[in-house]
Amino acid sequence: MALASKHSGELVATTVVEVPEGESLFTGRRRTREMEPLLEKCVRFAESKGVPAKSVVKIGHRASQS
């Protein structure tokens, strides 16, 4: 957050929802709802400090590729 503030950047709160092989990636959408409150808390905190922020949730079969 300090770097984003100093260089007029923005904070991106990111998480990955991993779906087991063989399952549709669409099934991971339900699990993203569990992550959203924490990510929104991060965004609100950054914005309260004057740093623009957004959240991103990636869904994939392998976290390393997502």
PDB file of N, CA and C in Angstrom:
ATOM      1  N   MET A   1       0.821  -1.170   0.000  1.00  0.00           N
ATOM      2  CA  MET A   1       0.000   0.000   0.000  1.00  0.00           C
ATOM      3  C   MET A   1       0.876   1.248   0.000  1.00  0.00           C
ATOM      4  N   ALA A   2       1.996   1.192   0.678  1.00  0.00           N
ATOM      5  CA  ALA A   2       2.893   2.344   0.719  1.00  0.00           C
ATOM      6  C   ALA A   2       3.423   2.677  -0.673  1.00  0.00           C
ATOM      7  N   LEU A   3       3.766   1.663  -1.452  1.00  0.00           N
ATOM      8  CA  LEU A   3       4.269   1.898  -2.814  1.00  0.00           C
ATOM      9  C   LEU A   3       3.180   2.482  -3.709  1.00  0.00           C
ATOM     10  N   ALA A   4       1.976   1.951  -3.615  1.00  0.00           N
ATOM     11  CA  ALA A   4       0.872   2.466  -4.425  1.00  0.00           C
ATOM     12  C   ALA A   4       0.592   3.917  -4.075  1.00  0.00           C
ATOM     13  N   SER A   5       0.642   4.234  -2.812  1.00  0.00           N
ATOM     14  CA  SER A   5       0.393   5.595  -2.370  1.00  0.00           C
ATOM     15  C   SER A   5       1.484   6.548  -2.876  1.00  0.00           C
ATOM     16  N   LYS A   6       2.716   6.134  -2.750  1.00  0.00           N
ATOM     17  CA  LYS A   6       3.836   6.988  -3.137  1.00  0.00           C
ATOM     18  C   LYS A   6       3.894   7.231  -4.637  1.00  0.00           C
ATOM     19  N   HIS A   7       3.511   6.234  -5.437  1.00  0.00           N
ATOM     20  CA  HIS A   7       3.641   6.331  -6.893  1.00  0.00           C
ATOM     21  C   HIS A   7       2.294   6.497  -7.608  1.00  0.00           C
ATOM     22  N   SER A   8       1.299   6.955  -6.874  1.00  0.00           N
ATOM     23  CA  SER A   8      -0.045   7.178  -7.429  1.00  0.00           C
ATOM     24  C   SER A   8      -0.589   5.935  -8.131  1.00  0.00           C
ATOM     25  N   GLY A   9      -0.366   4.794  -7.516  1.00  0.00           N
ATOM     26  CA  GLY A   9      -0.844   3.536  -8.077  1.00  0.00           C
ATOM     27  C   GLY A   9      -2.119   3.083  -7.397  1.00  0.00           C
ATOM     28  N   GLU A  10      -2.468   1.839  -7.638  1.00  0.00           N
ATOM     29  CA  GLU A  10      -3.646   1.275  -6.993  1.00  0.00           C
ATOM     30  C   GLU A  10      -3.318  -0.106  -6.447  1.00  0.00           C
ATOM     31  N   LEU A  11      -4.078  -0.520  -5.472  1.00  0.00           N
ATOM     32  CA  LEU A  11      -3.903  -1.826  -4.845  1.00  0.00           C
ATOM     33  C   LEU A  11      -4.892  -2.799  -5.485  1.00  0.00           C
ATOM     34  N   VAL A  12      -4.415  -4.002  -5.795  1.00  0.00           N
ATOM     35  CA  VAL A  12      -5.286  -5.044  -6.333  1.00  0.00           C
ATOM     36  C   VAL A  12      -5.238  -6.225  -5.369  1.00  0.00           C
ATOM     37  N   ALA A  13      -6.353  -6.455  -4.684  1.00  0.00           N
ATOM     38  CA  ALA A  13      -6.466  -7.600  -3.766  1.00  0.00           C
ATOM     39  C   ALA A  13      -6.898  -8.799  -4.608  1.00  0.00           C
ATOM     40  N   THR A  14      -6.071  -9.833  -4.639  1.00  0.00           N
ATOM     41  CA  THR A  14      -6.299 -10.972  -5.528  1.00  0.00           C
ATOM     42  C   THR A  14      -6.328 -12.274  -4.745  1.00  0.00           C
ATOM     43  N   THR A  15      -7.196 -13.183  -5.159  1.00  0.00           N
ATOM     44  CA  THR A  15      -7.213 -14.538  -4.610  1.00  0.00           C
ATOM     45  C   THR A  15      -7.560 -15.509  -5.728  1.00  0.00           C
ATOM     46  N   VAL A  16      -7.232 -16.772  -5.511  1.00  0.00           N
ATOM     47  CA  VAL A  16      -7.511 -17.825  -6.490  1.00  0.00           C
ATOM     48  C   VAL A  16      -8.408 -18.873  -5.850  1.00  0.00           C
ATOM     49  N   VAL A  17      -9.467 -19.240  -6.550  1.00  0.00           N
ATOM     50  CA  VAL A  17     -10.330 -20.341  -6.139  1.00  0.00           C
ATOM     51  C   VAL A  17      -9.957 -21.527  -7.022  1.00  0.00           C
ATOM     52  N   GLU A  18      -9.457 -22.565  -6.397  1.00  0.00           N
ATOM     53  CA  GLU A  18      -9.011 -23.744  -7.136  1.00  0.00           C
ATOM     54  C   GLU A  18     -10.132 -24.778  -7.194  1.00  0.00           C
ATOM     55  N   VAL A  19     -10.435 -25.224  -8.412  1.00  0.00           N
ATOM     56  CA  VAL A  19     -11.486 -26.213  -8.664  1.00  0.00           C
ATOM     57  C   VAL A  19     -10.802 -27.526  -9.035  1.00  0.00           C
ATOM     58  N   PRO A  20     -11.210 -28.645  -8.420  1.00  0.00           N
ATOM     59  CA  PRO A  20     -10.586 -29.929  -8.747  1.00  0.00           C
ATOM     60  C   PRO A  20     -10.699 -30.268 -10.238  1.00  0.00           C
ATOM     61  N   GLU A  21      -9.669 -30.925 -10.764  1.00  0.00           N
ATOM     62  CA  GLU A  21      -9.684 -31.385 -12.154  1.00  0.00           C
ATOM     63  C   GLU A  21     -10.941 -32.213 -12.394  1.00  0.00           C
ATOM     64  N   GLY A  22     -11.517 -32.046 -13.550  1.00  0.00           N
ATOM     65  CA  GLY A  22     -12.713 -32.801 -13.890  1.00  0.00           C
ATOM     66  C   GLY A  22     -14.003 -32.074 -13.569  1.00  0.00           C
ATOM     67  N   GLU A  23     -13.937 -31.078 -12.700  1.00  0.00           N
ATOM     68  CA  GLU A  23     -15.117 -30.281 -12.384  1.00  0.00           C
ATOM     69  C   GLU A  23     -15.129 -29.047 -13.269  1.00  0.00           C
ATOM     70  N   SER A  24     -16.318 -28.574 -13.562  1.00  0.00           N
ATOM     71  CA  SER A  24     -16.470 -27.362 -14.354  1.00  0.00           C
ATOM     72  C   SER A  24     -15.962 -26.158 -13.560  1.00  0.00           C
ATOM     73  N   LEU A  25     -15.313 -25.236 -14.242  1.00  0.00           N
ATOM     74  CA  LEU A  25     -14.849 -24.023 -13.568  1.00  0.00           C
ATOM     75  C   LEU A  25     -16.016 -23.226 -13.004  1.00  0.00           C
ATOM     76  N   PHE A  26     -17.185 -23.409 -13.591  1.00  0.00           N
ATOM     77  CA  PHE A  26     -18.374 -22.716 -13.100  1.00  0.00           C
ATOM     78  C   PHE A  26     -18.679 -23.080 -11.647  1.00  0.00           C
ATOM     79  N   THR A  27     -18.321 -24.280 -11.214  1.00  0.00           N
ATOM     80  CA  THR A  27     -18.569 -24.673  -9.826  1.00  0.00           C
ATOM     81  C   THR A  27     -17.759 -23.825  -8.851  1.00  0.00           C
ATOM     82  N   GLY A  28     -16.666 -23.273  -9.309  1.00  0.00           N
ATOM     83  CA  GLY A  28     -15.851 -22.403  -8.464  1.00  0.00           C
ATOM     84  C   GLY A  28     -16.513 -21.067  -8.177  1.00  0.00           C
ATOM     85  N   ARG A  29     -17.482 -20.692  -8.997  1.00  0.00           N
ATOM     86  CA  ARG A  29     -18.171 -19.417  -8.799  1.00  0.00           C
ATOM     87  C   ARG A  29     -18.859 -19.359  -7.446  1.00  0.00           C
ATOM     88  N   ARG A  30     -19.419 -20.487  -7.028  1.00  0.00           N
ATOM     89  CA  ARG A  30     -20.066 -20.506  -5.702  1.00  0.00           C
ATOM     90  C   ARG A  30     -19.065 -20.240  -4.596  1.00  0.00           C
ATOM     91  N   ARG A  31     -17.858 -20.769  -4.756  1.00  0.00           N
ATOM     92  CA  ARG A  31     -16.845 -20.595  -3.712  1.00  0.00           C
ATOM     93  C   ARG A  31     -16.277 -19.186  -3.679  1.00  0.00           C
ATOM     94  N   THR A  32     -16.421 -18.448  -4.788  1.00  0.00           N
ATOM     95  CA  THR A  32     -15.918 -17.071  -4.772  1.00  0.00           C
ATOM     96  C   THR A  32     -16.709 -16.214  -3.813  1.00  0.00           C
ATOM     97  N   ARG A  33     -17.957 -16.554  -3.614  1.00  0.00           N
ATOM     98  CA  ARG A  33     -18.796 -15.772  -2.681  1.00  0.00           C
ATOM     99  C   ARG A  33     -18.231 -15.806  -1.268  1.00  0.00           C
ATOM    100  N   GLU A  34     -17.549 -16.888  -0.924  1.00  0.00           N
ATOM    101  CA  GLU A  34     -16.927 -16.981   0.401  1.00  0.00           C
ATOM    102  C   GLU A  34     -15.766 -16.009   0.536  1.00  0.00           C
ATOM    103  N   MET A  35     -15.081 -15.727  -0.559  1.00  0.00           N
ATOM    104  CA  MET A  35     -13.903 -14.860  -0.554  1.00  0.00           C
ATOM    105  C   MET A  35     -14.255 -13.378  -0.625  1.00  0.00           C
ATOM    106  N   GLU A  36     -15.406 -13.064  -1.201  1.00  0.00           N
ATOM    107  CA  GLU A  36     -15.752 -11.679  -1.461  1.00  0.00           C
ATOM    108  C   GLU A  36     -15.754 -10.771  -0.230  1.00  0.00           C
ATOM    109  N   PRO A  37     -16.289 -11.197   0.929  1.00  0.00           N
ATOM    110  CA  PRO A  37     -16.268 -10.283   2.090  1.00  0.00           C
ATOM    111  C   PRO A  37     -14.850  -9.865   2.515  1.00  0.00           C
ATOM    112  N   LEU A  38     -13.918 -10.787   2.491  1.00  0.00           N
ATOM    113  CA  LEU A  38     -12.544 -10.456   2.877  1.00  0.00           C
ATOM    114  C   LEU A  38     -11.908  -9.507   1.862  1.00  0.00           C
ATOM    115  N   LEU A  39     -12.119  -9.774   0.587  1.00  0.00           N
ATOM    116  CA  LEU A  39     -11.553  -8.895  -0.434  1.00  0.00           C
ATOM    117  C   LEU A  39     -12.158  -7.497  -0.351  1.00  0.00           C
ATOM    118  N   GLU A  40     -13.446  -7.416  -0.113  1.00  0.00           N
ATOM    119  CA  GLU A  40     -14.085  -6.114   0.020  1.00  0.00           C
ATOM    120  C   GLU A  40     -13.558  -5.360   1.243  1.00  0.00           C
ATOM    121  N   LYS A  41     -13.259  -6.085   2.301  1.00  0.00           N
ATOM    122  CA  LYS A  41     -12.667  -5.466   3.487  1.00  0.00           C
ATOM    123  C   LYS A  41     -11.303  -4.868   3.148  1.00  0.00           C
ATOM    124  N   CYS A  42     -10.517  -5.578   2.361  1.00  0.00           N
ATOM    125  CA  CYS A  42      -9.207  -5.076   1.924  1.00  0.00           C
ATOM    126  C   CYS A  42      -9.359  -3.808   1.095  1.00  0.00           C
ATOM    127  N   VAL A  43     -10.322  -3.822   0.169  1.00  0.00           N
ATOM    128  CA  VAL A  43     -10.560  -2.663  -0.689  1.00  0.00           C
ATOM    129  C   VAL A  43     -10.990  -1.461   0.149  1.00  0.00           C
ATOM    130  N   ARG A  44     -11.909  -1.663   1.060  1.00  0.00           N
ATOM    131  CA  ARG A  44     -12.378  -0.558   1.910  1.00  0.00           C
ATOM    132  C   ARG A  44     -11.231   0.010   2.759  1.00  0.00           C
ATOM    133  N   PHE A  45     -10.372  -0.878   3.281  1.00  0.00           N
ATOM    134  CA  PHE A  45      -9.248  -0.419   4.103  1.00  0.00           C
ATOM    135  C   PHE A  45      -8.304   0.455   3.273  1.00  0.00           C
ATOM    136  N   ALA A  46      -7.954  -0.019   2.088  1.00  0.00           N
ATOM    137  CA  ALA A  46      -7.046   0.747   1.230  1.00  0.00           C
ATOM    138  C   ALA A  46      -7.656   2.102   0.879  1.00  0.00           C
ATOM    139  N   GLU A  47      -8.926   2.095   0.512  1.00  0.00           N
ATOM    140  CA  GLU A  47      -9.577   3.345   0.144  1.00  0.00           C
ATOM    141  C   GLU A  47      -9.696   4.303   1.322  1.00  0.00           C
ATOM    142  N   SER A  48      -9.834   3.749   2.533  1.00  0.00           N
ATOM    143  CA  SER A  48      -9.881   4.621   3.715  1.00  0.00           C
ATOM    144  C   SER A  48      -8.542   5.312   3.956  1.00  0.00           C
ATOM    145  N   LYS A  49      -7.478   4.739   3.407  1.00  0.00           N
ATOM    146  CA  LYS A  49      -6.140   5.337   3.518  1.00  0.00           C
ATOM    147  C   LYS A  49      -5.794   6.182   2.294  1.00  0.00           C
ATOM    148  N   GLY A  50      -6.774   6.348   1.379  1.00  0.00           N
ATOM    149  CA  GLY A  50      -6.548   7.185   0.210  1.00  0.00           C
ATOM    150  C   GLY A  50      -5.912   6.477  -0.967  1.00  0.00           C
ATOM    151  N   VAL A  51      -5.881   5.154  -0.951  1.00  0.00           N
ATOM    152  CA  VAL A  51      -5.293   4.380  -2.045  1.00  0.00           C
ATOM    153  C   VAL A  51      -6.423   3.718  -2.829  1.00  0.00           C
ATOM    154  N   PRO A  52      -6.528   4.001  -4.124  1.00  0.00           N
ATOM    155  CA  PRO A  52      -7.556   3.332  -4.918  1.00  0.00           C
ATOM    156  C   PRO A  52      -7.310   1.822  -4.927  1.00  0.00           C
ATOM    157  N   ALA A  53      -8.388   1.048  -4.905  1.00  0.00           N
ATOM    158  CA  ALA A  53      -8.226  -0.403  -4.836  1.00  0.00           C
ATOM    159  C   ALA A  53      -9.364  -1.108  -5.551  1.00  0.00           C
ATOM    160  N   LYS A  54      -9.083  -2.336  -5.963  1.00  0.00           N
ATOM    161  CA  LYS A  54     -10.103  -3.205  -6.545  1.00  0.00           C
ATOM    162  C   LYS A  54      -9.757  -4.637  -6.175  1.00  0.00           C
ATOM    163  N   SER A  55     -10.725  -5.526  -6.358  1.00  0.00           N
ATOM    164  CA  SER A  55     -10.472  -6.928  -6.043  1.00  0.00           C
ATOM    165  C   SER A  55     -10.638  -7.777  -7.297  1.00  0.00           C
ATOM    166  N   VAL A  56      -9.884  -8.880  -7.330  1.00  0.00           N
ATOM    167  CA  VAL A  56      -9.925  -9.816  -8.455  1.00  0.00           C
ATOM    168  C   VAL A  56      -9.953 -11.223  -7.887  1.00  0.00           C
ATOM    169  N   VAL A  57     -10.888 -12.029  -8.389  1.00  0.00           N
ATOM    170  CA  VAL A  57     -10.943 -13.441  -8.026  1.00  0.00           C
ATOM    171  C   VAL A  57     -10.726 -14.248  -9.295  1.00  0.00           C
ATOM    172  N   LYS A  58      -9.731 -15.109  -9.284  1.00  0.00           N
ATOM    173  CA  LYS A  58      -9.451 -15.985 -10.415  1.00  0.00           C
ATOM    174  C   LYS A  58      -9.940 -17.380 -10.067  1.00  0.00           C
ATOM    175  N   ILE A  59     -10.499 -18.060 -11.051  1.00  0.00           N
ATOM    176  CA  ILE A  59     -10.969 -19.432 -10.872  1.00  0.00           C
ATOM    177  C   ILE A  59     -10.190 -20.313 -11.837  1.00  0.00           C
ATOM    178  N   GLY A  60      -9.633 -21.407 -11.312  1.00  0.00           N
ATOM    179  CA  GLY A  60      -8.866 -22.288 -12.183  1.00  0.00           C
ATOM    180  C   GLY A  60      -8.689 -23.667 -11.583  1.00  0.00           C
ATOM    181  N   HIS A  61      -8.187 -24.571 -12.396  1.00  0.00           N
ATOM    182  CA  HIS A  61      -7.916 -25.928 -11.923  1.00  0.00           C
ATOM    183  C   HIS A  61      -6.585 -25.996 -11.175  1.00  0.00           C
ATOM    184  N   ARG A  62      -5.699 -25.079 -11.479  1.00  0.00           N
ATOM    185  CA  ARG A  62      -4.394 -25.027 -10.792  1.00  0.00           C
ATOM    186  C   ARG A  62      -4.112 -23.585 -10.392  1.00  0.00           C
ATOM    187  N   ALA A  63      -3.836 -23.409  -9.122  1.00  0.00           N
ATOM    188  CA  ALA A  63      -3.563 -22.057  -8.635  1.00  0.00           C
ATOM    189  C   ALA A  63      -2.345 -21.447  -9.336  1.00  0.00           C
ATOM    190  N   SER A  64      -1.360 -22.266  -9.634  1.00  0.00           N
ATOM    191  CA  SER A  64      -0.143 -21.755 -10.270  1.00  0.00           C
ATOM    192  C   SER A  64      -0.398 -21.209 -11.654  1.00  0.00           C
ATOM    193  N   GLN A  65      -1.431 -21.663 -12.319  1.00  0.00           N
ATOM    194  CA  GLN A  65      -1.738 -21.171 -13.670  1.00  0.00           C
ATOM    195  C   GLN A  65      -2.822 -20.100 -13.667  1.00  0.00           C
ATOM    196  N   SER A  66      -3.473 -19.946 -12.557  1.00  0.00           N
ATOM    197  CA  SER A  66      -4.551 -18.963 -12.481  1.00  0.00           C
ATOM    198  C   SER A  66      -3.990 -17.613 -12.120  1.00  0.00           C
TER     199      SER A  66
END
